[in-house]
């Protein structure tokens, strides 16, 4: 695992990449379907502070038109993004199977 941001520390909000925080090649296996809950972003409440992006251990959060989106193919459903979001813009919803 080689996080992009450990070698390329952004100096401002515009320096944060629009893709995941990890270099290509690390996340190659899609979620196997064992996730019970998934994070859902309330786009109306999200201000694009990107704290969830910086704290996501899987690097599945990315910028999308000034807000955040989540790559559910690789999200493990850990909930760290929800816990770090001060505005409550992320909630955990049951996975529908």
Protein backbone atom coordinates (compact mmCIF):
# COMPACT_ATOMS: atom_id res chain seq x y z
CA UNK A 1 0.00 0.00 0.00
CA UNK A 2 1.53 3.28 -1.06
CA UNK A 3 -0.55 6.37 -0.22
CA UNK A 4 -0.13 9.20 -2.71
CA UNK A 5 -0.52 11.92 -0.07
CA UNK A 6 2.37 10.72 2.08
CA UNK A 7 4.84 11.58 -0.65
CA UNK A 8 2.96 14.52 -2.17
CA UNK A 9 1.63 16.54 0.75
CA UNK A 10 -0.83 19.17 -0.54
CA UNK A 11 -0.17 22.76 0.45
CA UNK A 12 -3.76 23.86 -0.15
CA UNK A 13 -7.22 22.59 -1.00
CA UNK A 14 -6.56 22.93 -4.74
CA UNK A 15 -3.58 20.56 -4.49
CA UNK A 16 -5.70 17.62 -3.33
CA UNK A 17 -6.09 15.18 -6.23
CA UNK A 18 -9.54 14.54 -7.66
CA UNK A 19 -9.07 10.76 -7.56
CA UNK A 20 -8.36 8.39 -4.69
CA UNK A 21 -5.45 8.96 -2.34
CA UNK A 22 -3.70 5.76 -3.38
CA UNK A 23 -1.58 5.10 -6.42
CA UNK A 24 -3.09 2.91 -9.11
CA UNK A 25 -2.62 -0.78 -8.62
CA UNK A 26 -3.39 -1.09 -4.91
CA UNK A 27 -7.15 -1.41 -5.09
CA UNK A 28 -7.69 -4.10 -7.68
CA UNK A 29 -10.26 -6.42 -6.10
CA UNK A 30 -13.81 -5.18 -5.84
CA UNK A 31 -15.76 -5.49 -2.61
CA UNK A 32 -16.79 -9.10 -2.20
CA UNK A 33 -20.26 -8.21 -0.92
CA UNK A 34 -19.60 -8.64 2.79
CA UNK A 35 -20.18 -4.96 3.66
CA UNK A 36 -23.29 -4.56 5.88
CA UNK A 37 -23.56 -0.77 5.81
CA UNK A 38 -22.34 1.84 3.38
CA UNK A 39 -21.69 5.57 3.71
CA UNK A 40 -24.06 7.87 1.83
CA UNK A 41 -23.18 11.53 1.28
CA UNK A 42 -25.93 14.17 1.62
CA UNK A 43 -24.76 16.48 -1.17
CA UNK A 44 -26.86 19.36 0.20
CA UNK A 45 -24.96 19.30 3.52
CA UNK A 46 -21.50 18.56 2.11
CA UNK A 47 -19.30 21.67 1.88
CA UNK A 48 -16.38 19.86 0.24
CA UNK A 49 -13.98 20.23 3.18
CA UNK A 50 -12.50 16.82 2.20
CA UNK A 51 -11.78 15.70 5.77
CA UNK A 52 -13.44 12.38 4.92
CA UNK A 53 -11.16 12.06 1.89
CA UNK A 54 -8.06 12.63 4.01
CA UNK A 55 -9.09 10.09 6.67
CA UNK A 56 -10.45 7.29 4.47
CA UNK A 57 -8.15 4.28 5.02
CA UNK A 58 -9.14 2.73 1.69
CA UNK A 59 -8.79 5.89 -0.41
CA UNK A 60 -12.22 5.50 -2.01
CA UNK A 61 -13.46 9.08 -1.55
CA UNK A 62 -12.92 11.60 -4.33
CA UNK A 63 -13.93 15.12 -5.36
CA UNK A 64 -16.86 15.45 -7.74
CA UNK A 65 -17.93 19.00 -8.68
CA UNK A 66 -16.67 20.46 -5.38
CA UNK A 67 -18.36 17.80 -3.23
CA UNK A 68 -17.34 14.25 -2.34
CA UNK A 69 -18.38 10.93 -3.82
CA UNK A 70 -17.57 7.38 -2.81
CA UNK A 71 -16.36 4.49 -4.94
CA UNK A 72 -18.59 1.73 -3.57
CA UNK A 73 -16.73 -0.94 -5.54
CA UNK A 74 -13.88 -0.70 -3.01
CA UNK A 75 -15.52 0.84 0.10
CA UNK A 76 -15.34 -1.49 3.11
CA UNK A 77 -18.06 0.33 5.11
CA UNK A 78 -15.83 1.14 8.09
CA UNK A 79 -17.66 4.42 8.88
CA UNK A 80 -14.58 6.52 9.53
CA UNK A 81 -15.83 9.09 7.00
CA UNK A 82 -19.10 9.45 8.93
CA UNK A 83 -17.29 9.85 12.22
CA UNK A 84 -14.93 12.52 10.88
CA UNK A 85 -17.65 14.59 9.14
CA UNK A 86 -18.40 17.51 11.48
CA UNK A 87 -21.46 18.58 9.46
CA UNK A 88 -23.15 15.20 9.53
CA UNK A 89 -23.22 15.07 5.73
CA UNK A 90 -22.39 11.36 5.73
CA UNK A 91 -24.66 8.70 7.18
CA UNK A 92 -24.36 4.93 7.20
CA UNK A 93 -27.21 3.07 5.51
CA UNK A 94 -27.87 -0.67 5.44
CA UNK A 95 -26.55 -2.46 2.39
CA UNK A 96 -29.41 -3.69 0.25
CA UNK A 97 -28.79 -7.17 -1.02
